[in-house]
Amino acid sequence: MNRKKQIEPAIRARIDELLEASGKKFSSGDLKGSLDIALQAWDLIPASKADWDYYPQSLSAGFVQDFADLGDKDNVFKWSQIMAEMYDDPDHKDHLVLMTEGEAMYKLGNTDRAYYVFGRIYEIYGQKGFAGDQTAYLEFYRKEKAARGE
């Protein structure tokens, strides 16, 4: 596996400053303001974003969760696709990518998409793909599967 490149230190420092400010907004309860600042950090990542280590993966996964918390279905879908690209997961097999999307879709009430994504996790990882709090999603998947007669 090829290692991804590191973003140059000056840009990393500016990204970190923005993420610190974003974190403060988040801690004060301003999720929208936090997200706006984090998106500024995203914009500082050089093209092609998928070539770089850490920030593209971390930020894109966080954006999926944040947009789900805001109830923004279109951006959850958009950032789920971007997240998969940032994790070099075009076939959507990576557990973190799948679980992040599945949790977001479930939170948004998109049960069809959540069922599909949790089904992929079960298909690839079996029951072990659902640990801790994630066992609720396994239960959802099993109940939904039975209800659908599959």
Protein backbone atom coordinates (compact mmCIF):
# COMPACT_ATOMS: atom_id res chain seq x y z
CA MET A 1 0.00 0.00 0.00
CA ASN A 2 1.35 3.41 -0.93
CA ARG A 3 1.63 5.92 1.87
CA LYS A 4 -0.17 9.16 1.32
CA LYS A 5 1.74 12.41 1.24
CA GLN A 6 1.98 14.77 4.21
CA ILE A 7 0.65 18.29 3.82
CA GLU A 8 3.38 20.89 4.21
CA PRO A 9 3.84 22.15 7.79
CA ALA A 10 2.66 25.75 7.21
CA ILE A 11 -0.63 24.56 5.72
CA ARG A 12 -1.06 21.93 8.47
CA ALA A 13 -0.55 24.64 11.07
CA ARG A 14 -3.24 26.83 9.50
CA ILE A 15 -5.62 23.86 9.21
CA ASP A 16 -4.99 23.05 12.88
CA GLU A 17 -5.74 26.67 13.86
CA LEU A 18 -9.04 26.53 12.00
CA LEU A 19 -9.91 23.16 13.51
CA GLU A 20 -9.20 24.50 16.98
CA ALA A 21 -11.56 27.42 16.32
CA SER A 22 -14.10 24.95 14.91
CA GLY A 23 -13.83 22.85 18.05
CA LYS A 24 -14.52 25.88 20.24
CA LYS A 25 -17.66 26.67 18.23
CA PHE A 26 -18.74 23.04 18.54
CA SER A 27 -18.13 23.06 22.31
CA SER A 28 -20.28 26.17 22.64
CA GLY A 29 -23.15 24.40 20.87
CA ASP A 30 -22.73 26.12 17.49
CA LEU A 31 -22.54 23.11 15.17
CA LYS A 32 -23.29 25.15 12.04
CA GLY A 33 -20.56 27.68 12.89
CA SER A 34 -18.17 24.86 13.70
CA LEU A 35 -18.89 23.21 10.38
CA ASP A 36 -18.43 26.46 8.46
CA ILE A 37 -14.94 26.87 9.93
CA ALA A 38 -14.04 23.21 9.34
CA LEU A 39 -15.05 23.62 5.69
CA GLN A 40 -12.53 26.48 5.47
CA ALA A 41 -9.89 24.02 6.71
CA TRP A 42 -11.01 21.58 4.00
CA ASP A 43 -10.48 24.24 1.37
CA LEU A 44 -6.84 24.61 2.44
CA ILE A 45 -6.05 20.98 1.59
CA PRO A 46 -4.23 21.01 -1.76
CA ALA A 47 -5.63 19.21 -4.81
CA SER A 48 -5.90 16.33 -5.28
CA LYS A 49 -7.25 16.01 -1.76
CA ALA A 50 -7.29 12.20 -1.90
CA ASP A 51 -3.49 12.19 -2.25
CA TRP A 52 -2.93 13.57 1.25
CA ASP A 53 -2.80 11.82 4.59
CA TYR A 54 -5.05 12.34 7.62
CA TYR A 55 -6.92 15.62 7.10
CA PRO A 56 -9.00 14.59 4.07
CA GLN A 57 -10.04 11.35 5.74
CA SER A 58 -10.73 12.81 9.16
CA LEU A 59 -12.55 15.90 7.93
CA SER A 60 -14.72 14.13 5.36
CA ALA A 61 -15.87 11.55 7.93
CA GLY A 62 -16.60 14.34 10.40
CA PHE A 63 -18.61 16.23 7.78
CA VAL A 64 -20.83 13.19 7.22
CA GLN A 65 -21.59 13.08 10.94
CA ASP A 66 -22.04 16.85 11.29
CA PHE A 67 -24.38 17.17 8.33
CA ALA A 68 -26.40 14.25 9.70
CA ASP A 69 -26.67 16.08 13.02
CA LEU A 70 -27.93 19.11 11.09
CA GLY A 71 -30.45 16.97 9.20
CA ASP A 72 -28.89 17.84 5.82
CA LYS A 73 -29.53 14.72 3.71
CA ASP A 74 -28.04 16.08 0.49
CA ASN A 75 -24.73 16.94 2.12
CA VAL A 76 -24.62 13.63 3.99
CA PHE A 77 -24.89 11.82 0.68
CA LYS A 78 -22.33 14.13 -0.96
CA TRP A 79 -19.79 13.80 1.87
CA SER A 80 -20.32 10.03 2.15
CA GLN A 81 -19.13 9.75 -1.43
CA ILE A 82 -16.22 12.12 -0.84
CA MET A 83 -15.28 10.21 2.34
CA ALA A 84 -15.14 6.93 0.40
CA GLU A 85 -12.85 8.59 -2.14
CA MET A 86 -10.59 10.02 0.59
CA TYR A 87 -10.27 6.55 2.15
CA ASP A 88 -9.46 4.99 -1.25
CA ASP A 89 -12.63 2.92 -0.97
CA PRO A 90 -14.37 3.04 -4.35
CA ASP A 91 -16.12 -0.28 -3.68
CA HIS A 92 -17.37 0.81 -0.25
CA LYS A 93 -15.83 -2.05 1.71
CA ASP A 94 -14.00 -0.11 4.43
CA HIS A 95 -15.68 -0.61 7.80
CA LEU A 96 -15.25 2.99 8.97
CA VAL A 97 -16.61 4.37 5.70
CA LEU A 98 -19.60 2.04 5.77
CA MET A 99 -20.42 2.51 9.44
CA THR A 100 -20.12 6.30 9.24
CA GLU A 101 -22.52 6.41 6.30
CA GLY A 102 -24.87 3.85 7.83
CA GLU A 103 -25.08 5.68 11.15
CA ALA A 104 -25.73 8.98 9.35
CA MET A 105 -28.47 7.52 7.18
CA TYR A 106 -30.08 5.84 10.18
CA LYS A 107 -29.99 9.13 12.10
CA LEU A 108 -31.63 10.90 9.15
CA GLY A 109 -34.39 8.28 8.99
CA ASN A 110 -33.26 7.00 5.59
CA THR A 111 -33.97 3.41 6.56
CA ASP A 112 -33.60 2.02 3.03
CA ARG A 113 -30.06 3.34 2.65
CA ALA A 114 -29.18 2.47 6.26
CA TYR A 115 -30.45 -1.08 5.70
CA TYR A 116 -28.36 -1.40 2.54
CA VAL A 117 -25.18 -0.08 4.20
CA PHE A 118 -25.59 -2.19 7.34
CA GLY A 119 -26.23 -5.15 5.05
CA ARG A 120 -22.88 -4.51 3.36
CA ILE A 121 -21.19 -4.44 6.75
CA TYR A 122 -22.86 -7.72 7.70
CA GLU A 123 -21.97 -9.28 4.35
CA ILE A 124 -18.29 -8.30 4.64
CA TYR A 125 -17.64 -8.44 8.39
CA GLY A 126 -20.46 -10.53 9.80
CA GLN A 127 -21.70 -9.93 13.33
CA LYS A 128 -18.21 -8.76 14.34
CA GLY A 129 -18.78 -5.65 12.21
CA PHE A 130 -21.13 -4.34 14.91
CA ALA A 131 -19.52 -3.72 18.30
CA GLY A 132 -20.52 -1.72 21.35
CA ASP A 133 -23.18 0.85 20.55
CA GLN A 134 -23.19 -0.38 16.97
CA THR A 135 -25.03 -3.56 17.98
CA ALA A 136 -28.23 -1.49 17.79
CA TYR A 137 -27.61 -1.22 14.04
CA LEU A 138 -27.20 -4.98 13.75
CA GLU A 139 -30.53 -5.38 15.53
CA PHE A 140 -32.10 -2.84 13.16
CA TYR A 141 -30.65 -4.71 10.17
CA ARG A 142 -31.93 -8.08 11.35
CA LYS A 143 -35.43 -6.79 12.13
CA GLU A 144 -35.60 -4.95 8.83
CA LYS A 145 -34.40 -8.02 6.94
CA ALA A 146 -37.07 -10.16 8.57
CA ALA A 147 -39.76 -7.55 7.91
CA ARG A 148 -38.75 -7.46 4.24
CA GLY A 149 -38.87 -11.25 4.07
CA GLU A 150 -35.29 -11.48 2.86
